[in-house]
Amino acid sequence: MAAAEPRRHRFASYNETMHRLRRCAPVALALLLAFTCSSCSLGRLLTHPRVFSSKGKPLPPGTARPLPLVATGVELNSRIVNLYNAINSFQAKVQMTPSVGSVYQGKISDSIVDVESYVLFRKPDQMRIIGKVPVAGTQMFDMVSNGTDFMVSVTARNLFITGSNSAPATSKNTLENLRPEAFFAAMLIRPADAKSEKLLLEDDTDEDHQLYKLHFIQEGTDGQLILTRAVWFDREDLSIVRQKEFSLKGEILSDSRYAKWQTYDGVRFPSHIDISRPLDNYGVTMDILDMKMNLNLTDDKFVLTQPEGSTLRRIGEAAPPK
């Protein structure tokens, strides 16, 4: 009899344990349903929705961010092709706000003076930009490029500069470092060169933004791959919002941001362009005030002669002593 007592005790403990489990089962089931059923009030108490933003701005309560559009690298490059091919020429009145400095120097100073400018472009690669002093309307600078060479007349310094578009901008005077080619590359986004460039697509979508980054890759003479450009697309509407150009060393040659796309004479074009040239130590913000597309611009619109009495400086030659 003494040996049976522990056995009965074990059975009693087992029965009591099972009874407790059966009593707890409904509670466990309720908790499980609460976690798996989004409509249950307990589930709402135990979860906290993450709020997404749209184009970097918080969305109003109860508003859902549009689902991102889907495209391939080839399709995105085709959008660039369509935008580029739609433009044969244009004439624009632009408000420019220059700045000095760069991210490489850790300091950027915005100008307090806006420059009223006129930009003329004709394919394949001719561009002319005339800047005028605000209010007075007198000419500040006039520059022309034929795609290979450029000429700049700096009226205030009675200086006429000429050289190759590929010549480095080495002057301590930022105005003397302006190149029409820099504006051309930023304002007309080129599609991929089928002979020399390959496309690589990156999906950069998170809680704050939804972007596609289309990378343009070339093969160097040593067989190494080189990133030459990258174009950002907003996946809400696949509009272009940014473009970066890189040197062979990977440095940022140009960083352009695009906003406020509008239709001018049936052609889509950004009415706000923010250009940064870190290696050249300057930037320019451009706001288009008026734009006329595909005009018949004649050759004389792209001719710039040296003003009489001005000092000629060829890029690559030493500046004359003062």
C-alpha atoms as a PDB file:
ATOM      1  CA  MET A   1       0.000   0.000   0.000  1.00  0.00           C
ATOM      2  CA  ALA A   2       2.848   2.330   0.718  1.00  0.00           C
ATOM      3  CA  ALA A   3       4.196   1.838  -2.805  1.00  0.00           C
ATOM      4  CA  ALA A   4       0.837   2.726  -4.436  1.00  0.00           C
ATOM      5  CA  GLU A   5       0.646   6.165  -2.880  1.00  0.00           C
ATOM      6  CA  PRO A   6       3.247   7.824  -5.065  1.00  0.00           C
ATOM      7  CA  ARG A   7       1.611   6.314  -8.155  1.00  0.00           C
ATOM      8  CA  ARG A   8      -1.829   7.691  -7.235  1.00  0.00           C
ATOM      9  CA  HIS A   9      -0.149  11.013  -6.504  1.00  0.00           C
ATOM     10  CA  ARG A  10       1.439  11.006  -9.959  1.00  0.00           C
ATOM     11  CA  PHE A  11      -1.925  10.273 -11.604  1.00  0.00           C
ATOM     12  CA  ALA A  12      -3.529  13.083  -9.631  1.00  0.00           C
ATOM     13  CA  SER A  13      -0.812  15.517 -10.709  1.00  0.00           C
ATOM     14  CA  TYR A  14      -1.202  14.429 -14.337  1.00  0.00           C
ATOM     15  CA  ASN A  15      -4.994  14.880 -14.252  1.00  0.00           C
ATOM     16  CA  GLU A  16      -4.657  18.314 -12.650  1.00  0.00           C
ATOM     17  CA  THR A  17      -2.139  19.414 -15.295  1.00  0.00           C
ATOM     18  CA  MET A  18      -4.361  18.293 -18.166  1.00  0.00           C
ATOM     19  CA  HIS A  19      -7.307  20.074 -16.601  1.00  0.00           C
ATOM     20  CA  ARG A  20      -5.314  23.302 -16.467  1.00  0.00           C
ATOM     21  CA  LEU A  21      -4.247  22.922 -20.110  1.00  0.00           C
ATOM     22  CA  ARG A  22      -7.842  22.374 -21.209  1.00  0.00           C
ATOM     23  CA  ARG A  23      -8.861  25.533 -19.342  1.00  0.00           C
ATOM     24  CA  CYS A  24      -6.027  27.525 -20.971  1.00  0.00           C
ATOM     25  CA  ALA A  25      -6.661  26.246 -24.509  1.00  0.00           C
ATOM     26  CA  PRO A  26      -9.475  28.731 -25.309  1.00  0.00           C
ATOM     27  CA  VAL A  27      -7.286  31.606 -24.131  1.00  0.00           C
ATOM     28  CA  ALA A  28      -4.343  30.456 -26.264  1.00  0.00           C
ATOM     29  CA  LEU A  29      -6.640  30.049 -29.262  1.00  0.00           C
ATOM     30  CA  ALA A  30      -8.013  33.556 -28.767  1.00  0.00           C
ATOM     31  CA  LEU A  31      -4.505  34.999 -28.647  1.00  0.00           C
ATOM     32  CA  LEU A  32      -3.536  33.114 -31.794  1.00  0.00           C
ATOM     33  CA  LEU A  33      -6.587  34.425 -33.646  1.00  0.00           C
ATOM     34  CA  ALA A  34      -5.817  37.942 -32.471  1.00  0.00           C
ATOM     35  CA  PHE A  35      -2.371  37.824 -34.056  1.00  0.00           C
ATOM     36  CA  THR A  36      -3.573  36.302 -37.310  1.00  0.00           C
ATOM     37  CA  CYS A  37      -6.820  38.240 -37.817  1.00  0.00           C
ATOM     38  CA  SER A  38      -6.209  41.870 -38.796  1.00  0.00           C
ATOM     39  CA  SER A  39      -9.830  42.767 -38.054  1.00  0.00           C
ATOM     40  CA  CYS A  40      -9.624  41.725 -34.406  1.00  0.00           C
ATOM     41  CA  SER A  41      -9.367  44.587 -31.938  1.00  0.00           C
ATOM     42  CA  LEU A  42      -6.557  42.904 -30.043  1.00  0.00           C
ATOM     43  CA  GLY A  43      -4.613  42.558 -33.296  1.00  0.00           C
ATOM     44  CA  ARG A  44      -4.931  46.292 -33.863  1.00  0.00           C
ATOM     45  CA  LEU A  45      -3.627  46.925 -30.389  1.00  0.00           C
ATOM     46  CA  LEU A  46      -0.614  44.713 -30.917  1.00  0.00           C
ATOM     47  CA  THR A  47       0.413  46.103 -34.336  1.00  0.00           C
ATOM     48  CA  HIS A  48       1.592  49.571 -35.390  1.00  0.00           C
ATOM     49  CA  PRO A  49       1.402  50.468 -39.089  1.00  0.00           C
ATOM     50  CA  ARG A  50       4.454  52.169 -40.622  1.00  0.00           C
ATOM     51  CA  VAL A  51       3.592  55.385 -42.452  1.00  0.00           C
ATOM     52  CA  PHE A  52       5.110  55.703 -45.939  1.00  0.00           C
ATOM     53  CA  SER A  53       5.954  58.987 -47.592  1.00  0.00           C
ATOM     54  CA  SER A  54       5.457  60.231 -51.138  1.00  0.00           C
ATOM     55  CA  LYS A  55       8.410  61.911 -52.870  1.00  0.00           C
ATOM     56  CA  GLY A  56      10.019  62.584 -49.501  1.00  0.00           C
ATOM     57  CA  LYS A  57       6.883  64.156 -47.965  1.00  0.00           C
ATOM     58  CA  PRO A  58       4.672  62.521 -45.288  1.00  0.00           C
ATOM     59  CA  LEU A  59       1.287  61.456 -46.577  1.00  0.00           C
ATOM     60  CA  PRO A  60      -1.907  62.746 -44.926  1.00  0.00           C
ATOM     61  CA  PRO A  61      -3.519  60.322 -42.440  1.00  0.00           C
ATOM     62  CA  GLY A  62      -5.512  57.636 -44.178  1.00  0.00           C
ATOM     63  CA  THR A  63      -3.821  58.246 -47.549  1.00  0.00           C
ATOM     64  CA  ALA A  64      -2.022  55.378 -49.240  1.00  0.00           C
ATOM     65  CA  ARG A  65       1.098  55.965 -51.282  1.00  0.00           C
ATOM     66  CA  PRO A  66       0.591  55.018 -54.938  1.00  0.00           C
ATOM     67  CA  LEU A  67       2.009  51.620 -55.765  1.00  0.00           C
ATOM     68  CA  PRO A  68       5.318  51.918 -57.627  1.00  0.00           C
ATOM     69  CA  LEU A  69       5.250  51.448 -61.387  1.00  0.00           C
ATOM     70  CA  VAL A  70       7.280  48.608 -62.856  1.00  0.00           C
ATOM     71  CA  ALA A  71       9.683  48.960 -65.799  1.00  0.00           C
ATOM     72  CA  THR A  72      12.802  47.330 -67.190  1.00  0.00           C
ATOM     73  CA  GLY A  73      16.087  49.061 -67.932  1.00  0.00           C
ATOM     74  CA  VAL A  74      15.358  48.884 -71.651  1.00  0.00           C
ATOM     75  CA  GLU A  75      11.936  50.479 -71.151  1.00  0.00           C
ATOM     76  CA  LEU A  76      13.404  53.304 -69.057  1.00  0.00           C
ATOM     77  CA  ASN A  77      16.073  53.969 -71.664  1.00  0.00           C
ATOM     78  CA  SER A  78      13.283  54.094 -74.273  1.00  0.00           C
ATOM     79  CA  ARG A  79      11.656  56.885 -72.256  1.00  0.00           C
ATOM     80  CA  ILE A  80      14.924  58.823 -72.462  1.00  0.00           C
ATOM     81  CA  VAL A  81      15.054  58.157 -76.216  1.00  0.00           C
ATOM     82  CA  ASN A  82      11.528  59.546 -76.667  1.00  0.00           C
ATOM     83  CA  LEU A  83      12.296  62.679 -74.637  1.00  0.00           C
ATOM     84  CA  TYR A  84      15.570  63.272 -76.471  1.00  0.00           C
ATOM     85  CA  ASN A  85      14.195  62.663 -79.964  1.00  0.00           C
ATOM     86  CA  ALA A  86      11.272  65.034 -79.394  1.00  0.00           C
ATOM     87  CA  ILE A  87      13.674  68.002 -79.157  1.00  0.00           C
ATOM     88  CA  ASN A  88      15.410  69.365 -82.250  1.00  0.00           C
ATOM     89  CA  SER A  89      15.892  72.899 -80.954  1.00  0.00           C
ATOM     90  CA  PHE A  90      14.602  75.257 -78.292  1.00  0.00           C
ATOM     91  CA  GLN A  91      14.787  78.842 -77.114  1.00  0.00           C
ATOM     92  CA  ALA A  92      14.276  79.440 -73.412  1.00  0.00           C
ATOM     93  CA  LYS A  93      14.146  82.397 -71.059  1.00  0.00           C
ATOM     94  CA  VAL A  94      15.634  81.228 -67.794  1.00  0.00           C
ATOM     95  CA  GLN A  95      16.240  82.586 -64.321  1.00  0.00           C
ATOM     96  CA  MET A  96      19.614  81.351 -63.114  1.00  0.00           C
ATOM     97  CA  THR A  97      20.826  81.366 -59.530  1.00  0.00           C
ATOM     98  CA  PRO A  98      24.558  80.557 -59.349  1.00  0.00           C
ATOM     99  CA  SER A  99      26.407  79.182 -56.338  1.00  0.00           C
ATOM    100  CA  VAL A 100      30.076  78.736 -55.482  1.00  0.00           C
ATOM    101  CA  GLY A 101      31.645  75.748 -53.736  1.00  0.00           C
ATOM    102  CA  SER A 102      31.020  72.012 -53.770  1.00  0.00           C
ATOM    103  CA  VAL A 103      30.431  68.951 -51.625  1.00  0.00           C
ATOM    104  CA  TYR A 104      34.110  68.108 -52.060  1.00  0.00           C
ATOM    105  CA  GLN A 105      35.061  71.391 -50.395  1.00  0.00           C
ATOM    106  CA  GLY A 106      32.401  71.050 -47.709  1.00  0.00           C
ATOM    107  CA  LYS A 107      30.978  74.516 -48.382  1.00  0.00           C
ATOM    108  CA  ILE A 108      28.457  75.948 -50.834  1.00  0.00           C
ATOM    109  CA  SER A 109      27.528  79.635 -50.988  1.00  0.00           C
ATOM    110  CA  ASP A 110      24.407  80.624 -52.909  1.00  0.00           C
ATOM    111  CA  SER A 111      24.394  83.842 -54.886  1.00  0.00           C
ATOM    112  CA  ILE A 112      22.005  86.569 -53.801  1.00  0.00           C
ATOM    113  CA  VAL A 113      21.678  87.719 -57.419  1.00  0.00           C
ATOM    114  CA  ASP A 114      19.506  85.970 -59.985  1.00  0.00           C
ATOM    115  CA  VAL A 115      20.730  86.176 -63.565  1.00  0.00           C
ATOM    116  CA  GLU A 116      18.184  86.520 -66.356  1.00  0.00           C
ATOM    117  CA  SER A 117      19.449  84.288 -69.146  1.00  0.00           C
ATOM    118  CA  TYR A 118      18.535  83.139 -72.626  1.00  0.00           C
ATOM    119  CA  VAL A 119      19.395  79.611 -73.740  1.00  0.00           C
ATOM    120  CA  LEU A 120      19.382  78.533 -77.394  1.00  0.00           C
ATOM    121  CA  PHE A 121      19.944  74.956 -78.518  1.00  0.00           C
ATOM    122  CA  ARG A 122      20.060  73.219 -81.894  1.00  0.00           C
ATOM    123  CA  LYS A 123      20.894  69.601 -82.605  1.00  0.00           C
ATOM    124  CA  PRO A 124      23.202  67.939 -82.731  1.00  0.00           C
ATOM    125  CA  ASP A 125      25.265  69.903 -80.201  1.00  0.00           C
ATOM    126  CA  GLN A 126      25.095  73.696 -80.633  1.00  0.00           C
ATOM    127  CA  MET A 127      24.232  75.805 -77.603  1.00  0.00           C
ATOM    128  CA  ARG A 128      24.364  79.474 -76.718  1.00  0.00           C
ATOM    129  CA  ILE A 129      23.705  81.065 -73.317  1.00  0.00           C
ATOM    130  CA  ILE A 130      23.475  84.816 -72.713  1.00  0.00           C
ATOM    131  CA  GLY A 131      23.355  86.124 -69.141  1.00  0.00           C
ATOM    132  CA  LYS A 132      22.205  89.611 -68.227  1.00  0.00           C
ATOM    133  CA  VAL A 133      22.502  91.750 -65.118  1.00  0.00           C
ATOM    134  CA  PRO A 134      19.178  91.983 -63.264  1.00  0.00           C
ATOM    135  CA  VAL A 135      17.214  95.247 -63.609  1.00  0.00           C
ATOM    136  CA  ALA A 136      19.909  96.963 -65.697  1.00  0.00           C
ATOM    137  CA  GLY A 137      19.647  94.316 -68.410  1.00  0.00           C
ATOM    138  CA  THR A 138      23.244  94.756 -69.525  1.00  0.00           C
ATOM    139  CA  GLN A 139      25.120  91.679 -70.700  1.00  0.00           C
ATOM    140  CA  MET A 140      27.095  89.742 -68.074  1.00  0.00           C
ATOM    141  CA  PHE A 141      28.354  86.897 -70.251  1.00  0.00           C
ATOM    142  CA  ASP A 142      27.795  85.268 -73.621  1.00  0.00           C
ATOM    143  CA  MET A 143      28.948  81.746 -74.414  1.00  0.00           C
ATOM    144  CA  VAL A 144      28.674  79.417 -77.388  1.00  0.00           C
ATOM    145  CA  SER A 145      29.596  75.781 -78.038  1.00  0.00           C
ATOM    146  CA  ASN A 146      29.631  73.799 -81.278  1.00  0.00           C
ATOM    147  CA  GLY A 147      30.021  70.491 -79.478  1.00  0.00           C
ATOM    148  CA  THR A 148      33.817  70.426 -79.716  1.00  0.00           C
ATOM    149  CA  ASP A 149      35.023  73.933 -78.874  1.00  0.00           C
ATOM    150  CA  PHE A 150      33.589  76.811 -76.884  1.00  0.00           C
ATOM    151  CA  MET A 151      33.882  80.589 -76.615  1.00  0.00           C
ATOM    152  CA  VAL A 152      32.930  82.739 -73.643  1.00  0.00           C
ATOM    153  CA  SER A 153      32.781  86.522 -73.552  1.00  0.00           C
ATOM    154  CA  VAL A 154      32.918  87.827 -69.959  1.00  0.00           C
ATOM    155  CA  THR A 155      31.749  91.407 -70.408  1.00  0.00           C
ATOM    156  CA  ALA A 156      32.488  92.608 -66.884  1.00  0.00           C
ATOM    157  CA  ARG A 157      36.140  91.557 -67.164  1.00  0.00           C
ATOM    158  CA  ASN A 158      36.527  92.486 -70.844  1.00  0.00           C
ATOM    159  CA  LEU A 159      37.752  88.930 -71.374  1.00  0.00           C
ATOM    160  CA  PHE A 160      37.227  86.523 -74.272  1.00  0.00           C
ATOM    161  CA  ILE A 161      37.967  82.851 -73.537  1.00  0.00           C
ATOM    162  CA  THR A 162      38.158  80.044 -76.069  1.00  0.00           C
ATOM    163  CA  GLY A 163      39.187  76.400 -75.930  1.00  0.00           C
ATOM    164  CA  SER A 164      38.141  72.777 -76.130  1.00  0.00           C
ATOM    165  CA  ASN A 165      35.043  71.585 -74.311  1.00  0.00           C
ATOM    166  CA  SER A 166      37.204  68.966 -72.610  1.00  0.00           C
ATOM    167  CA  ALA A 167      39.629  71.593 -71.245  1.00  0.00           C
ATOM    168  CA  PRO A 168      39.723  71.702 -67.422  1.00  0.00           C
ATOM    169  CA  ALA A 169      38.157  74.613 -65.579  1.00  0.00           C
ATOM    170  CA  THR A 170      41.103  75.913 -63.574  1.00  0.00           C
ATOM    171  CA  SER A 171      40.369  79.615 -63.092  1.00  0.00           C
ATOM    172  CA  LYS A 172      39.881  80.993 -59.584  1.00  0.00           C
ATOM    173  CA  ASN A 173      37.102  83.124 -61.036  1.00  0.00           C
ATOM    174  CA  THR A 174      34.030  80.899 -61.218  1.00  0.00           C
ATOM    175  CA  LEU A 175      32.485  82.874 -64.072  1.00  0.00           C
ATOM    176  CA  GLU A 176      35.497  82.025 -66.231  1.00  0.00           C
ATOM    177  CA  ASN A 177      34.907  78.304 -65.607  1.00  0.00           C
ATOM    178  CA  LEU A 178      31.446  78.284 -67.190  1.00  0.00           C
ATOM    179  CA  ARG A 179      31.160  75.938 -70.147  1.00  0.00           C
ATOM    180  CA  PRO A 180      28.162  75.598 -72.495  1.00  0.00           C
ATOM    181  CA  GLU A 181      28.840  71.860 -72.581  1.00  0.00           C
ATOM    182  CA  ALA A 182      27.996  71.608 -68.864  1.00  0.00           C
ATOM    183  CA  PHE A 183      24.523  73.049 -69.496  1.00  0.00           C
ATOM    184  CA  PHE A 184      24.054  70.914 -72.603  1.00  0.00           C
ATOM    185  CA  ALA A 185      24.802  67.679 -70.727  1.00  0.00           C
ATOM    186  CA  ALA A 186      22.422  68.598 -67.904  1.00  0.00           C
ATOM    187  CA  MET A 187      19.512  69.934 -69.954  1.00  0.00           C
ATOM    188  CA  LEU A 188      19.440  67.165 -72.588  1.00  0.00           C
ATOM    189  CA  ILE A 189      19.654  63.724 -71.048  1.00  0.00           C
ATOM    190  CA  ARG A 190      21.195  61.392 -73.596  1.00  0.00           C
ATOM    191  CA  PRO A 191      19.998  57.819 -74.097  1.00  0.00           C
ATOM    192  CA  ALA A 192      22.487  54.963 -73.938  1.00  0.00           C
ATOM    193  CA  ASP A 193      25.030  54.622 -76.717  1.00  0.00           C
ATOM    194  CA  ALA A 194      24.290  51.140 -78.071  1.00  0.00           C
ATOM    195  CA  LYS A 195      27.900  50.722 -79.242  1.00  0.00           C
ATOM    196  CA  SER A 196      29.681  51.611 -76.024  1.00  0.00           C
ATOM    197  CA  GLU A 197      27.258  51.637 -73.059  1.00  0.00           C
ATOM    198  CA  LYS A 198      25.526  48.854 -71.179  1.00  0.00           C
ATOM    199  CA  LEU A 199      22.548  49.290 -68.873  1.00  0.00           C
ATOM    200  CA  LEU A 200      22.274  48.139 -65.263  1.00  0.00           C
ATOM    201  CA  LEU A 201      18.997  48.693 -63.373  1.00  0.00           C
ATOM    202  CA  GLU A 202      18.793  49.181 -59.601  1.00  0.00           C
ATOM    203  CA  ASP A 203      15.532  49.241 -57.619  1.00  0.00           C
ATOM    204  CA  ASP A 204      15.899  51.740 -54.769  1.00  0.00           C
ATOM    205  CA  THR A 205      12.518  51.588 -53.031  1.00  0.00           C
ATOM    206  CA  ASP A 206      11.978  52.002 -49.291  1.00  0.00           C
ATOM    207  CA  GLU A 207       9.673  53.769 -46.812  1.00  0.00           C
ATOM    208  CA  ASP A 208      10.749  57.258 -47.906  1.00  0.00           C
ATOM    209  CA  HIS A 209      11.080  56.997 -51.683  1.00  0.00           C
ATOM    210  CA  GLN A 210      10.548  54.694 -54.632  1.00  0.00           C
ATOM    211  CA  LEU A 211      13.151  55.072 -57.318  1.00  0.00           C
ATOM    212  CA  TYR A 212      14.744  53.283 -60.218  1.00  0.00           C
ATOM    213  CA  LYS A 213      18.417  54.016 -60.854  1.00  0.00           C
ATOM    214  CA  LEU A 214      19.545  53.307 -64.396  1.00  0.00           C
ATOM    215  CA  HIS A 215      23.338  52.948 -64.526  1.00  0.00           C
ATOM    216  CA  PHE A 216      25.290  53.430 -67.752  1.00  0.00           C
ATOM    217  CA  ILE A 217      28.382  51.216 -67.867  1.00  0.00           C
ATOM    218  CA  GLN A 218      31.341  51.255 -70.272  1.00  0.00           C
ATOM    219  CA  GLU A 219      34.328  48.977 -70.599  1.00  0.00           C
ATOM    220  CA  GLY A 220      37.653  50.753 -70.140  1.00  0.00           C
ATOM    221  CA  THR A 221      40.801  50.195 -72.168  1.00  0.00           C
ATOM    222  CA  ASP A 222      42.120  47.947 -69.386  1.00  0.00           C
ATOM    223  CA  GLY A 223      38.982  45.799 -69.432  1.00  0.00           C
ATOM    224  CA  GLN A 224      37.615  47.263 -66.199  1.00  0.00           C
ATOM    225  CA  LEU A 225      33.975  48.388 -66.081  1.00  0.00           C
ATOM    226  CA  ILE A 226      33.417  52.139 -65.678  1.00  0.00           C
ATOM    227  CA  LEU A 227      30.279  53.836 -64.392  1.00  0.00           C
ATOM    228  CA  THR A 228      29.815  56.852 -66.661  1.00  0.00           C
ATOM    229  CA  ARG A 229      26.313  58.014 -65.750  1.00  0.00           C
ATOM    230  CA  ALA A 230      23.276  57.218 -63.605  1.00  0.00           C
ATOM    231  CA  VAL A 231      19.702  58.434 -64.134  1.00  0.00           C
ATOM    232  CA  TRP A 232      17.063  58.352 -61.378  1.00  0.00           C
ATOM    233  CA  PHE A 233      13.371  57.709 -62.172  1.00  0.00           C
ATOM    234  CA  ASP A 234      10.494  58.343 -59.765  1.00  0.00           C
ATOM    235  CA  ARG A 235       8.481  55.108 -59.734  1.00  0.00           C
ATOM    236  CA  GLU A 236       5.221  56.968 -59.053  1.00  0.00           C
ATOM    237  CA  ASP A 237       5.166  58.271 -62.639  1.00  0.00           C
ATOM    238  CA  LEU A 238       8.588  57.234 -64.102  1.00  0.00           C
ATOM    239  CA  SER A 239       9.627  60.871 -64.509  1.00  0.00           C
ATOM    240  CA  ILE A 240      13.360  61.634 -64.389  1.00  0.00           C
ATOM    241  CA  VAL A 241      14.380  63.296 -61.136  1.00  0.00           C
ATOM    242  CA  ARG A 242      18.192  63.169 -61.183  1.00  0.00           C
ATOM    243  CA  GLN A 243      21.264  62.480 -63.303  1.00  0.00           C
ATOM    244  CA  LYS A 244      24.886  62.019 -62.279  1.00  0.00           C
ATOM    245  CA  GLU A 245      27.920  61.964 -64.561  1.00  0.00           C
ATOM    246  CA  PHE A 246      31.241  60.518 -63.422  1.00  0.00           C
ATOM    247  CA  SER A 247      34.881  60.832 -64.378  1.00  0.00           C
ATOM    248  CA  LEU A 248      37.098  57.839 -65.146  1.00  0.00           C
ATOM    249  CA  LYS A 249      38.232  58.021 -61.513  1.00  0.00           C
ATOM    250  CA  GLY A 250      34.642  57.807 -60.254  1.00  0.00           C
ATOM    251  CA  GLU A 251      34.466  61.477 -59.249  1.00  0.00           C
ATOM    252  CA  ILE A 252      31.200  63.378 -59.729  1.00  0.00           C
ATOM    253  CA  LEU A 253      31.487  65.597 -62.784  1.00  0.00           C
ATOM    254  CA  SER A 254      27.869  66.747 -62.722  1.00  0.00           C
ATOM    255  CA  ASP A 255      24.872  66.175 -60.456  1.00  0.00           C
ATOM    256  CA  SER A 256      21.595  67.479 -61.911  1.00  0.00           C
ATOM    257  CA  ARG A 257      18.155  67.316 -60.292  1.00  0.00           C
ATOM    258  CA  TYR A 258      14.917  67.769 -62.225  1.00  0.00           C
ATOM    259  CA  ALA A 259      11.457  68.845 -61.081  1.00  0.00           C
ATOM    260  CA  LYS A 260       8.211  70.441 -62.255  1.00  0.00           C
ATOM    261  CA  TRP A 261       7.986  68.709 -65.607  1.00  0.00           C
ATOM    262  CA  GLN A 262       5.771  70.620 -68.024  1.00  0.00           C
ATOM    263  CA  THR A 263       4.678  70.363 -71.641  1.00  0.00           C
ATOM    264  CA  TYR A 264       6.032  73.008 -74.023  1.00  0.00           C
ATOM    265  CA  ASP A 265       4.670  72.868 -77.572  1.00  0.00           C
ATOM    266  CA  GLY A 266       3.837  69.201 -77.061  1.00  0.00           C
ATOM    267  CA  VAL A 267       7.262  68.326 -75.608  1.00  0.00           C
ATOM    268  CA  ARG A 268       7.869  67.321 -71.982  1.00  0.00           C
ATOM    269  CA  PHE A 269      10.684  69.206 -70.244  1.00  0.00           C
ATOM    270  CA  PRO A 270      11.609  69.981 -66.600  1.00  0.00           C
ATOM    271  CA  SER A 271      10.951  73.608 -65.686  1.00  0.00           C
ATOM    272  CA  HIS A 272      13.334  73.402 -62.691  1.00  0.00           C
ATOM    273  CA  ILE A 273      16.903  72.104 -63.042  1.00  0.00           C
ATOM    274  CA  ASP A 274      19.494  72.222 -60.266  1.00  0.00           C
ATOM    275  CA  ILE A 275      23.019  71.649 -61.619  1.00  0.00           C
ATOM    276  CA  SER A 276      26.040  70.984 -59.403  1.00  0.00           C
ATOM    277  CA  ARG A 277      29.609  70.771 -60.780  1.00  0.00           C
ATOM    278  CA  PRO A 278      31.725  69.708 -57.765  1.00  0.00           C
ATOM    279  CA  LEU A 279      35.084  69.540 -59.557  1.00  0.00           C
ATOM    280  CA  ASP A 280      34.472  72.911 -61.224  1.00  0.00           C
ATOM    281  CA  ASN A 281      33.509  74.440 -57.884  1.00  0.00           C
ATOM    282  CA  TYR A 282      30.142  75.900 -58.895  1.00  0.00           C
ATOM    283  CA  GLY A 283      26.448  75.153 -59.306  1.00  0.00           C
ATOM    284  CA  VAL A 284      23.497  76.751 -61.084  1.00  0.00           C
ATOM    285  CA  THR A 285      19.782  76.529 -60.432  1.00  0.00           C
ATOM    286  CA  MET A 286      17.670  77.106 -63.537  1.00  0.00           C
ATOM    287  CA  ASP A 287      13.970  78.002 -63.534  1.00  0.00           C
ATOM    288  CA  ILE A 288      12.410  78.212 -66.974  1.00  0.00           C
ATOM    289  CA  LEU A 289      10.230  81.283 -67.421  1.00  0.00           C
ATOM    290  CA  ASP A 290       9.398  80.728 -71.080  1.00  0.00           C
ATOM    291  CA  MET A 291      10.191  77.936 -73.529  1.00  0.00           C
ATOM    292  CA  LYS A 292       9.633  77.589 -77.265  1.00  0.00           C
ATOM    293  CA  MET A 293      10.346  74.206 -78.789  1.00  0.00           C
ATOM    294  CA  ASN A 294      11.597  73.163 -82.243  1.00  0.00           C
ATOM    295  CA  LEU A 295      12.101  76.590 -83.751  1.00  0.00           C
ATOM    296  CA  ASN A 296      14.016  77.190 -86.974  1.00  0.00           C
ATOM    297  CA  LEU A 297      17.186  78.584 -85.404  1.00  0.00           C
ATOM    298  CA  THR A 298      19.628  79.851 -88.052  1.00  0.00           C
ATOM    299  CA  ASP A 299      23.441  79.571 -88.036  1.00  0.00           C
ATOM    300  CA  ASP A 300      23.962  83.198 -87.033  1.00  0.00           C
ATOM    301  CA  LYS A 301      22.312  82.499 -83.663  1.00  0.00           C
ATOM    302  CA  PHE A 302      25.364  80.450 -82.715  1.00  0.00           C
ATOM    303  CA  VAL A 303      28.116  82.819 -83.837  1.00  0.00           C
ATOM    304  CA  LEU A 304      30.116  84.685 -81.196  1.00  0.00           C
ATOM    305  CA  THR A 305      32.913  87.060 -82.184  1.00  0.00           C
ATOM    306  CA  GLN A 306      35.524  88.523 -79.903  1.00  0.00           C
ATOM    307  CA  PRO A 307      34.557  92.048 -78.776  1.00  0.00           C
ATOM    308  CA  GLU A 308      36.970  94.732 -79.903  1.00  0.00           C
ATOM    309  CA  GLY A 309      39.515  95.612 -77.262  1.00  0.00           C
ATOM    310  CA  SER A 310      38.871  92.503 -75.124  1.00  0.00           C
ATOM    311  CA  THR A 311      41.679  90.263 -73.861  1.00  0.00           C
ATOM    312  CA  LEU A 312      41.913  86.864 -75.566  1.00  0.00           C
ATOM    313  CA  ARG A 313      42.684  83.863 -73.407  1.00  0.00           C
ATOM    314  CA  ARG A 314      43.005  80.360 -74.790  1.00  0.00           C
ATOM    315  CA  ILE A 315      42.456  77.584 -72.306  1.00  0.00           C
ATOM    316  CA  GLY A 316      45.714  75.734 -71.812  1.00  0.00           C
ATOM    317  CA  GLU A 317      47.813  78.872 -72.147  1.00  0.00           C
ATOM    318  CA  ALA A 318      49.125  80.789 -69.179  1.00  0.00           C
ATOM    319  CA  ALA A 319      47.189  83.892 -68.226  1.00  0.00           C
ATOM    320  CA  PRO A 320      49.050  87.137 -68.964  1.00  0.00           C
ATOM    321  CA  PRO A 321      50.554  88.942 -65.942  1.00  0.00           C
ATOM    322  CA  LYS A 322      48.450  91.709 -64.430  1.00  0.00           C
END
